[in-house]
PDB file of N, CA and C in Angstrom:
ATOM      1  N   MET A   1       0.822  -1.192   0.000  1.00  0.00           N
ATOM      2  CA  MET A   1       0.000   0.000   0.000  1.00  0.00           C
ATOM      3  C   MET A   1       0.861   1.250   0.000  1.00  0.00           C
ATOM      4  N   LYS A   2       1.941   1.239   0.806  1.00  0.00           N
ATOM      5  CA  LYS A   2       2.834   2.392   0.843  1.00  0.00           C
ATOM      6  C   LYS A   2       3.480   2.608  -0.517  1.00  0.00           C
ATOM      7  N   PHE A   3       3.818   1.498  -1.184  1.00  0.00           N
ATOM      8  CA  PHE A   3       4.447   1.595  -2.503  1.00  0.00           C
ATOM      9  C   PHE A   3       3.525   2.327  -3.478  1.00  0.00           C
ATOM     10  N   MET A   4       2.251   1.968  -3.490  1.00  0.00           N
ATOM     11  CA  MET A   4       1.301   2.610  -4.394  1.00  0.00           C
ATOM     12  C   MET A   4       1.139   4.080  -4.052  1.00  0.00           C
ATOM     13  N   ALA A   5       1.148   4.424  -2.776  1.00  0.00           N
ATOM     14  CA  ALA A   5       1.038   5.826  -2.371  1.00  0.00           C
ATOM     15  C   ALA A   5       2.239   6.615  -2.886  1.00  0.00           C
ATOM     16  N   VAL A   6       3.423   6.025  -2.770  1.00  0.00           N
ATOM     17  CA  VAL A   6       4.632   6.687  -3.271  1.00  0.00           C
ATOM     18  C   VAL A   6       4.542   6.855  -4.777  1.00  0.00           C
ATOM     19  N   MET A   7       4.050   5.842  -5.478  1.00  0.00           N
ATOM     20  CA  MET A   7       3.943   5.922  -6.934  1.00  0.00           C
ATOM     21  C   MET A   7       2.951   7.001  -7.353  1.00  0.00           C
ATOM     22  N   VAL A   8       1.836   7.110  -6.655  1.00  0.00           N
ATOM     23  CA  VAL A   8       0.841   8.130  -6.982  1.00  0.00           C
ATOM     24  C   VAL A   8       1.409   9.522  -6.728  1.00  0.00           C
ATOM     25  N   ILE A   9       2.073   9.704  -5.607  1.00  0.00           N
ATOM     26  CA  ILE A   9       2.691  11.002  -5.302  1.00  0.00           C
ATOM     27  C   ILE A   9       3.735  11.340  -6.355  1.00  0.00           C
ATOM     28  N   THR A  10       4.545  10.352  -6.733  1.00  0.00           N
ATOM     29  CA  THR A  10       5.556  10.559  -7.760  1.00  0.00           C
ATOM     30  C   THR A  10       4.902  10.941  -9.077  1.00  0.00           C
ATOM     31  N   LEU A  11       3.824  10.278  -9.428  1.00  0.00           N
ATOM     32  CA  LEU A  11       3.102  10.578 -10.661  1.00  0.00           C
ATOM     33  C   LEU A  11       2.650  12.033 -10.685  1.00  0.00           C
ATOM     34  N   VAL A  12       2.099  12.499  -9.586  1.00  0.00           N
ATOM     35  CA  VAL A  12       1.624  13.883  -9.510  1.00  0.00           C
ATOM     36  C   VAL A  12       2.792  14.862  -9.640  1.00  0.00           C
ATOM     37  N   ILE A  13       3.874  14.602  -8.935  1.00  0.00           N
ATOM     38  CA  ILE A  13       5.019  15.510  -8.967  1.00  0.00           C
ATOM     39  C   ILE A  13       5.629  15.575 -10.355  1.00  0.00           C
ATOM     40  N   VAL A  14       5.836  14.423 -10.957  1.00  0.00           N
ATOM     41  CA  VAL A  14       6.448  14.406 -12.291  1.00  0.00           C
ATOM     42  C   VAL A  14       5.516  15.018 -13.321  1.00  0.00           C
ATOM     43  N   SER A  15       4.221  14.790 -13.197  1.00  0.00           N
ATOM     44  CA  SER A  15       3.255  15.360 -14.139  1.00  0.00           C
ATOM     45  C   SER A  15       3.288  16.884 -14.106  1.00  0.00           C
ATOM     46  N   MET A  16       3.441  17.416 -12.912  1.00  0.00           N
ATOM     47  CA  MET A  16       3.434  18.869 -12.764  1.00  0.00           C
ATOM     48  C   MET A  16       4.733  19.506 -13.239  1.00  0.00           C
ATOM     49  N   SER A  17       5.785  18.714 -13.347  1.00  0.00           N
ATOM     50  CA  SER A  17       7.072  19.296 -13.714  1.00  0.00           C
ATOM     51  C   SER A  17       7.577  18.781 -15.055  1.00  0.00           C
ATOM     52  N   SER A  18       6.669  18.467 -15.989  1.00  0.00           N
ATOM     53  CA  SER A  18       7.122  17.948 -17.270  1.00  0.00           C
ATOM     54  C   SER A  18       7.897  19.023 -18.022  1.00  0.00           C
ATOM     55  N   PRO A  19       9.027  18.644 -18.638  1.00  0.00           N
ATOM     56  CA  PRO A  19       9.877  19.611 -19.316  1.00  0.00           C
ATOM     57  C   PRO A  19       9.234  20.130 -20.598  1.00  0.00           C
ATOM     58  N   ARG A  20       9.387  21.407 -20.852  1.00  0.00           N
ATOM     59  CA  ARG A  20       8.856  22.031 -22.063  1.00  0.00           C
ATOM     60  C   ARG A  20       9.991  22.727 -22.805  1.00  0.00           C
ATOM     61  N   GLY A  21       9.923  22.666 -24.117  1.00  0.00           N
ATOM     62  CA  GLY A  21      10.909  23.344 -24.954  1.00  0.00           C
ATOM     63  C   GLY A  21      10.557  24.807 -25.116  1.00  0.00           C
ATOM     64  N   PHE A  22      11.300  25.515 -25.982  1.00  0.00           N
ATOM     65  CA  PHE A  22      11.098  26.953 -26.162  1.00  0.00           C
ATOM     66  C   PHE A  22       9.727  27.296 -26.729  1.00  0.00           C
ATOM     67  N   ASN A  23       9.197  26.475 -27.626  1.00  0.00           N
ATOM     68  CA  ASN A  23       7.907  26.797 -28.219  1.00  0.00           C
ATOM     69  C   ASN A  23       6.783  25.952 -27.627  1.00  0.00           C
ATOM     70  N   GLY A  24       6.928  25.543 -26.374  1.00  0.00           N
ATOM     71  CA  GLY A  24       5.870  24.818 -25.684  1.00  0.00           C
ATOM     72  C   GLY A  24       5.805  23.339 -26.029  1.00  0.00           C
ATOM     73  N   VAL A  25       6.705  22.861 -26.867  1.00  0.00           N
ATOM     74  CA  VAL A  25       6.716  21.454 -27.237  1.00  0.00           C
ATOM     75  C   VAL A  25       7.406  20.671 -26.125  1.00  0.00           C
ATOM     76  N   VAL A  26       6.847  19.530 -25.774  1.00  0.00           N
ATOM     77  CA  VAL A  26       7.440  18.708 -24.726  1.00  0.00           C
ATOM     78  C   VAL A  26       8.786  18.190 -25.214  1.00  0.00           C
ATOM     79  N   ALA A  27       9.815  18.428 -24.420  1.00  0.00           N
ATOM     80  CA  ALA A  27      11.157  17.971 -24.753  1.00  0.00           C
ATOM     81  C   ALA A  27      11.242  16.457 -24.574  1.00  0.00           C
ATOM     82  N   GLN A  28      12.023  15.805 -25.427  1.00  0.00           N
ATOM     83  CA  GLN A  28      12.227  14.363 -25.310  1.00  0.00           C
ATOM     84  C   GLN A  28      13.098  14.115 -24.088  1.00  0.00           C
ATOM     85  N   SER A  29      12.577  13.396 -23.124  1.00  0.00           N
ATOM     86  CA  SER A  29      13.337  13.134 -21.909  1.00  0.00           C
ATOM     87  C   SER A  29      12.802  11.889 -21.225  1.00  0.00           C
ATOM     88  N   CYS A  30      13.416  11.565 -20.129  1.00  0.00           N
ATOM     89  CA  CYS A  30      12.997  10.416 -19.336  1.00  0.00           C
ATOM     90  C   CYS A  30      11.815  10.824 -18.460  1.00  0.00           C
ATOM     91  N   VAL A  31      10.709  10.157 -18.636  1.00  0.00           N
ATOM     92  CA  VAL A  31       9.507  10.440 -17.860  1.00  0.00           C
ATOM     93  C   VAL A  31       9.035   9.116 -17.268  1.00  0.00           C
ATOM     94  N   PRO A  32       9.469   8.820 -16.040  1.00  0.00           N
ATOM     95  CA  PRO A  32       9.143   7.528 -15.453  1.00  0.00           C
ATOM     96  C   PRO A  32       7.651   7.257 -15.329  1.00  0.00           C
ATOM     97  N   THR A  33       6.842   8.286 -15.200  1.00  0.00           N
ATOM     98  CA  THR A  33       5.400   8.057 -15.075  1.00  0.00           C
ATOM     99  C   THR A  33       4.806   7.503 -16.365  1.00  0.00           C
ATOM    100  N   ASP A  34       5.508   7.676 -17.487  1.00  0.00           N
ATOM    101  CA  ASP A  34       5.038   7.079 -18.733  1.00  0.00           C
ATOM    102  C   ASP A  34       5.091   5.552 -18.671  1.00  0.00           C
ATOM    103  N   LEU A  35       5.841   5.028 -17.707  1.00  0.00           N
ATOM    104  CA  LEU A  35       5.971   3.579 -17.569  1.00  0.00           C
ATOM    105  C   LEU A  35       4.903   2.971 -16.657  1.00  0.00           C
ATOM    106  N   MET A  36       3.945   3.761 -16.233  1.00  0.00           N
ATOM    107  CA  MET A  36       2.893   3.249 -15.352  1.00  0.00           C
ATOM    108  C   MET A  36       2.158   2.043 -15.945  1.00  0.00           C
ATOM    109  N   PRO A  37       1.982   1.943 -17.277  1.00  0.00           N
ATOM    110  CA  PRO A  37       1.344   0.738 -17.812  1.00  0.00           C
ATOM    111  C   PRO A  37       2.153  -0.536 -17.529  1.00  0.00           C
ATOM    112  N   CYS A  38       3.414  -0.385 -17.146  1.00  0.00           N
ATOM    113  CA  CYS A  38       4.272  -1.536 -16.847  1.00  0.00           C
ATOM    114  C   CYS A  38       4.152  -1.992 -15.398  1.00  0.00           C
ATOM    115  N   LEU A  39       3.560  -1.174 -14.559  1.00  0.00           N
ATOM    116  CA  LEU A  39       3.522  -1.475 -13.129  1.00  0.00           C
ATOM    117  C   LEU A  39       2.924  -2.844 -12.807  1.00  0.00           C
ATOM    118  N   PRO A  40       1.782  -3.237 -13.400  1.00  0.00           N
ATOM    119  CA  PRO A  40       1.253  -4.573 -13.084  1.00  0.00           C
ATOM    120  C   PRO A  40       2.212  -5.705 -13.477  1.00  0.00           C
ATOM    121  N   ALA A  41       2.952  -5.509 -14.543  1.00  0.00           N
ATOM    122  CA  ALA A  41       3.878  -6.550 -14.995  1.00  0.00           C
ATOM    123  C   ALA A  41       5.112  -6.632 -14.109  1.00  0.00           C
ATOM    124  N   VAL A  42       5.683  -5.480 -13.741  1.00  0.00           N
ATOM    125  CA  VAL A  42       6.925  -5.506 -12.962  1.00  0.00           C
ATOM    126  C   VAL A  42       6.693  -5.774 -11.475  1.00  0.00           C
ATOM    127  N   THR A  43       5.475  -5.542 -10.995  1.00  0.00           N
ATOM    128  CA  THR A  43       5.207  -5.794  -9.580  1.00  0.00           C
ATOM    129  C   THR A  43       4.463  -7.100  -9.340  1.00  0.00           C
ATOM    130  N   GLY A  44       3.719  -7.581 -10.341  1.00  0.00           N
ATOM    131  CA  GLY A  44       2.917  -8.775 -10.127  1.00  0.00           C
ATOM    132  C   GLY A  44       3.175  -9.913 -11.081  1.00  0.00           C
ATOM    133  N   GLY A  45       4.058  -9.699 -12.044  1.00  0.00           N
ATOM    134  CA  GLY A  45       4.378 -10.753 -12.983  1.00  0.00           C
ATOM    135  C   GLY A  45       3.367 -10.921 -14.100  1.00  0.00           C
ATOM    136  N   ASN A  46       2.470  -9.960 -14.262  1.00  0.00           N
ATOM    137  CA  ASN A  46       1.494 -10.027 -15.355  1.00  0.00           C
ATOM    138  C   ASN A  46       2.202  -9.865 -16.697  1.00  0.00           C
ATOM    139  N   GLN A  47       1.530 -10.283 -17.752  1.00  0.00           N
ATOM    140  CA  GLN A  47       2.052 -10.088 -19.106  1.00  0.00           C
ATOM    141  C   GLN A  47       2.084  -8.577 -19.380  1.00  0.00           C
ATOM    142  N   PRO A  48       3.214  -8.040 -19.864  1.00  0.00           N
ATOM    143  CA  PRO A  48       3.248  -6.601 -20.134  1.00  0.00           C
ATOM    144  C   PRO A  48       2.343  -6.243 -21.314  1.00  0.00           C
ATOM    145  N   ALA A  49       1.636  -5.146 -21.168  1.00  0.00           N
ATOM    146  CA  ALA A  49       0.776  -4.645 -22.243  1.00  0.00           C
ATOM    147  C   ALA A  49       1.633  -4.074 -23.364  1.00  0.00           C
ATOM    148  N   LYS A  50       1.061  -3.968 -24.543  1.00  0.00           N
ATOM    149  CA  LYS A  50       1.779  -3.388 -25.683  1.00  0.00           C
ATOM    150  C   LYS A  50       2.246  -1.977 -25.350  1.00  0.00           C
ATOM    151  N   GLU A  51       1.391  -1.214 -24.685  1.00  0.00           N
ATOM    152  CA  GLU A  51       1.756   0.155 -24.308  1.00  0.00           C
ATOM    153  C   GLU A  51       2.983   0.165 -23.399  1.00  0.00           C
ATOM    154  N   CYS A  52       3.079  -0.815 -22.514  1.00  0.00           N
ATOM    155  CA  CYS A  52       4.242  -0.939 -21.639  1.00  0.00           C
ATOM    156  C   CYS A  52       5.502  -1.139 -22.478  1.00  0.00           C
ATOM    157  N   CYS A  53       5.447  -2.085 -23.395  1.00  0.00           N
ATOM    158  CA  CYS A  53       6.618  -2.362 -24.235  1.00  0.00           C
ATOM    159  C   CYS A  53       6.986  -1.149 -25.084  1.00  0.00           C
ATOM    160  N   ASP A  54       5.981  -0.468 -25.610  1.00  0.00           N
ATOM    161  CA  ASP A  54       6.252   0.735 -26.411  1.00  0.00           C
ATOM    162  C   ASP A  54       6.965   1.794 -25.582  1.00  0.00           C
ATOM    163  N   LYS A  55       6.489   2.008 -24.363  1.00  0.00           N
ATOM    164  CA  LYS A  55       7.093   3.022 -23.490  1.00  0.00           C
ATOM    165  C   LYS A  55       8.495   2.618 -23.051  1.00  0.00           C
ATOM    166  N   LEU A  56       8.699   1.339 -22.758  1.00  0.00           N
ATOM    167  CA  LEU A  56      10.039   0.877 -22.397  1.00  0.00           C
ATOM    168  C   LEU A  56      11.006   1.068 -23.562  1.00  0.00           C
ATOM    169  N   THR A  57      10.541   0.798 -24.763  1.00  0.00           N
ATOM    170  CA  THR A  57      11.381   0.984 -25.948  1.00  0.00           C
ATOM    171  C   THR A  57      11.742   2.449 -26.121  1.00  0.00           C
ATOM    172  N   GLU A  58      10.762   3.342 -25.950  1.00  0.00           N
ATOM    173  CA  GLU A  58      11.013   4.782 -26.066  1.00  0.00           C
ATOM    174  C   GLU A  58      12.026   5.255 -25.030  1.00  0.00           C
ATOM    175  N   GLN A  59      12.006   4.664 -23.845  1.00  0.00           N
ATOM    176  CA  GLN A  59      12.836   5.141 -22.745  1.00  0.00           C
ATOM    177  C   GLN A  59      14.002   4.201 -22.432  1.00  0.00           C
ATOM    178  N   LYS A  60      14.394   3.420 -23.423  1.00  0.00           N
ATOM    179  CA  LYS A  60      15.482   2.464 -23.230  1.00  0.00           C
ATOM    180  C   LYS A  60      16.741   3.135 -22.685  1.00  0.00           C
ATOM    181  N   SER A  61      17.042   4.327 -23.165  1.00  0.00           N
ATOM    182  CA  SER A  61      18.252   5.034 -22.719  1.00  0.00           C
ATOM    183  C   SER A  61      18.120   5.569 -21.290  1.00  0.00           C
ATOM    184  N   CYS A  62      16.945   5.527 -20.721  1.00  0.00           N
ATOM    185  CA  CYS A  62      16.701   6.042 -19.373  1.00  0.00           C
ATOM    186  C   CYS A  62      16.822   4.961 -18.298  1.00  0.00           C
ATOM    187  N   LEU A  63      16.854   3.707 -18.695  1.00  0.00           N
ATOM    188  CA  LEU A  63      16.739   2.616 -17.727  1.00  0.00           C
ATOM    189  C   LEU A  63      17.862   2.599 -16.703  1.00  0.00           C
ATOM    190  N   CYS A  64      19.083   2.946 -17.093  1.00  0.00           N
ATOM    191  CA  CYS A  64      20.184   2.986 -16.111  1.00  0.00           C
ATOM    192  C   CYS A  64      19.914   4.034 -15.034  1.00  0.00           C
ATOM    193  N   GLY A  65      19.399   5.168 -15.439  1.00  0.00           N
ATOM    194  CA  GLY A  65      19.053   6.206 -14.473  1.00  0.00           C
ATOM    195  C   GLY A  65      17.957   5.747 -13.529  1.00  0.00           C
ATOM    196  N   TYR A  66      16.984   5.009 -14.059  1.00  0.00           N
ATOM    197  CA  TYR A  66      15.912   4.496 -13.218  1.00  0.00           C
ATOM    198  C   TYR A  66      16.439   3.486 -12.207  1.00  0.00           C
ATOM    199  N   MET A  67      17.422   2.684 -12.616  1.00  0.00           N
ATOM    200  CA  MET A  67      17.998   1.691 -11.706  1.00  0.00           C
ATOM    201  C   MET A  67      18.636   2.359 -10.494  1.00  0.00           C
ATOM    202  N   LYS A  68      19.177   3.549 -10.680  1.00  0.00           N
ATOM    203  CA  LYS A  68      19.886   4.249  -9.611  1.00  0.00           C
ATOM    204  C   LYS A  68      18.941   5.025  -8.696  1.00  0.00           C
ATOM    205  N   ASN A  69      17.694   5.193  -9.102  1.00  0.00           N
ATOM    206  CA  ASN A  69      16.734   5.963  -8.322  1.00  0.00           C
ATOM    207  C   ASN A  69      15.771   5.006  -7.625  1.00  0.00           C
ATOM    208  N   PRO A  70      15.759   4.993  -6.299  1.00  0.00           N
ATOM    209  CA  PRO A  70      14.890   4.051  -5.579  1.00  0.00           C
ATOM    210  C   PRO A  70      13.402   4.181  -5.922  1.00  0.00           C
ATOM    211  N   LEU A  71      12.959   5.357  -6.325  1.00  0.00           N
ATOM    212  CA  LEU A  71      11.546   5.528  -6.676  1.00  0.00           C
ATOM    213  C   LEU A  71      11.189   4.817  -7.977  1.00  0.00           C
ATOM    214  N   TYR A  72      12.146   4.690  -8.889  1.00  0.00           N
ATOM    215  CA  TYR A  72      11.850   4.154 -10.211  1.00  0.00           C
ATOM    216  C   TYR A  72      12.540   2.829 -10.500  1.00  0.00           C
ATOM    217  N   SER A  73      13.370   2.360  -9.588  1.00  0.00           N
ATOM    218  CA  SER A  73      14.136   1.142  -9.850  1.00  0.00           C
ATOM    219  C   SER A  73      13.239  -0.075 -10.044  1.00  0.00           C
ATOM    220  N   VAL A  74      12.015  -0.035  -9.553  1.00  0.00           N
ATOM    221  CA  VAL A  74      11.104  -1.161  -9.702  1.00  0.00           C
ATOM    222  C   VAL A  74      10.911  -1.521 -11.172  1.00  0.00           C
ATOM    223  N   PHE A  75      10.979  -0.538 -12.064  1.00  0.00           N
ATOM    224  CA  PHE A  75      10.762  -0.792 -13.486  1.00  0.00           C
ATOM    225  C   PHE A  75      11.883  -1.612 -14.112  1.00  0.00           C
ATOM    226  N   VAL A  76      13.049  -1.653 -13.453  1.00  0.00           N
ATOM    227  CA  VAL A  76      14.206  -2.355 -14.016  1.00  0.00           C
ATOM    228  C   VAL A  76      14.744  -3.430 -13.077  1.00  0.00           C
ATOM    229  N   SER A  77      14.557  -3.249 -11.780  1.00  0.00           N
ATOM    230  CA  SER A  77      15.226  -4.122 -10.808  1.00  0.00           C
ATOM    231  C   SER A  77      14.292  -5.056 -10.028  1.00  0.00           C
ATOM    232  N   SER A  78      13.007  -4.995 -10.275  1.00  0.00           N
ATOM    233  CA  SER A  78      12.104  -5.883  -9.535  1.00  0.00           C
ATOM    234  C   SER A  78      12.344  -7.329  -9.978  1.00  0.00           C
ATOM    235  N   PRO A  79      11.899  -8.293  -9.180  1.00  0.00           N
ATOM    236  CA  PRO A  79      12.080  -9.696  -9.569  1.00  0.00           C
ATOM    237  C   PRO A  79      11.438 -10.041 -10.922  1.00  0.00           C
ATOM    238  N   PHE A  80      10.382  -9.315 -11.306  1.00  0.00           N
ATOM    239  CA  PHE A  80       9.686  -9.596 -12.556  1.00  0.00           C
ATOM    240  C   PHE A  80      10.218  -8.772 -13.735  1.00  0.00           C
ATOM    241  N   ALA A  81      11.026  -7.762 -13.471  1.00  0.00           N
ATOM    242  CA  ALA A  81      11.505  -6.865 -14.526  1.00  0.00           C
ATOM    243  C   ALA A  81      12.275  -7.579 -15.637  1.00  0.00           C
ATOM    244  N   PRO A  82      13.184  -8.523 -15.333  1.00  0.00           N
ATOM    245  CA  PRO A  82      13.900  -9.187 -16.435  1.00  0.00           C
ATOM    246  C   PRO A  82      12.960  -9.876 -17.435  1.00  0.00           C
ATOM    247  N   LYS A  83      11.894 -10.492 -16.927  1.00  0.00           N
ATOM    248  CA  LYS A  83      10.933 -11.146 -17.830  1.00  0.00           C
ATOM    249  C   LYS A  83      10.189 -10.113 -18.666  1.00  0.00           C
ATOM    250  N   VAL A  84       9.854  -8.984 -18.060  1.00  0.00           N
ATOM    251  CA  VAL A  84       9.162  -7.919 -18.798  1.00  0.00           C
ATOM    252  C   VAL A  84      10.075  -7.394 -19.905  1.00  0.00           C
ATOM    253  N   LEU A  85      11.325  -7.116 -19.564  1.00  0.00           N
ATOM    254  CA  LEU A  85      12.267  -6.620 -20.569  1.00  0.00           C
ATOM    255  C   LEU A  85      12.448  -7.639 -21.696  1.00  0.00           C
ATOM    256  N   GLU A  86      12.566  -8.910 -21.323  1.00  0.00           N
ATOM    257  CA  GLU A  86      12.734  -9.965 -22.332  1.00  0.00           C
ATOM    258  C   GLU A  86      11.512 -10.048 -23.246  1.00  0.00           C
ATOM    259  N   THR A  87      10.320 -10.007 -22.654  1.00  0.00           N
ATOM    260  CA  THR A  87       9.082 -10.066 -23.432  1.00  0.00           C
ATOM    261  C   THR A  87       8.989  -8.890 -24.399  1.00  0.00           C
ATOM    262  N   CYS A  88       9.489  -7.739 -23.979  1.00  0.00           N
ATOM    263  CA  CYS A  88       9.454  -6.529 -24.807  1.00  0.00           C
ATOM    264  C   CYS A  88      10.670  -6.407 -25.731  1.00  0.00           C
ATOM    265  N   ASN A  89      11.503  -7.441 -25.760  1.00  0.00           N
ATOM    266  CA  ASN A  89      12.715  -7.452 -26.604  1.00  0.00           C
ATOM    267  C   ASN A  89      13.653  -6.298 -26.307  1.00  0.00           C
ATOM    268  N   ILE A  90      13.819  -6.010 -25.026  1.00  0.00           N
ATOM    269  CA  ILE A  90      14.736  -4.955 -24.583  1.00  0.00           C
ATOM    270  C   ILE A  90      15.822  -5.609 -23.751  1.00  0.00           C
ATOM    271  N   PRO A  91      17.083  -5.441 -24.157  1.00  0.00           N
ATOM    272  CA  PRO A  91      18.155  -6.059 -23.362  1.00  0.00           C
ATOM    273  C   PRO A  91      18.245  -5.409 -21.991  1.00  0.00           C
ATOM    274  N   LYS A  92      18.551  -6.234 -20.988  1.00  0.00           N
ATOM    275  CA  LYS A  92      18.726  -5.694 -19.639  1.00  0.00           C
ATOM    276  C   LYS A  92      19.909  -4.726 -19.658  1.00  0.00           C
ATOM    277  N   PRO A  93      19.715  -3.534 -19.134  1.00  0.00           N
ATOM    278  CA  PRO A  93      20.795  -2.543 -19.177  1.00  0.00           C
ATOM    279  C   PRO A  93      22.010  -2.977 -18.344  1.00  0.00           C
ATOM    280  N   THR A  94      23.165  -2.680 -18.862  1.00  0.00           N
ATOM    281  CA  THR A  94      24.418  -2.915 -18.121  1.00  0.00           C
ATOM    282  C   THR A  94      24.982  -1.548 -17.787  1.00  0.00           C
ATOM    283  N   CYS A  95      24.822  -1.168 -16.570  1.00  0.00           N
ATOM    284  CA  CYS A  95      25.222   0.182 -16.149  1.00  0.00           C
ATOM    285  C   CYS A  95      26.487   0.138 -15.313  1.00  0.00           C
TER     286      CYS A  95
END
């Protein structure tokens, strides 16, 4: 329950601070809340949704940073994460 509360708080904080470019266009960056569709797979071992795999592919270069952050490491370091990455054809990051 505490984990979900932390995730919801994180979602709100990150949503409010999304990066914007000079002309109001969202800058390409690491947005861990975009990986929320992966949460059931990485925490419960469910089959990852297509949206999860798409988001993981988009943020492949961000995964090492997520591993180092305790709030987001669940997406890469949970017991179910290797299976999710494998299912999505994403190599496990070597950081």
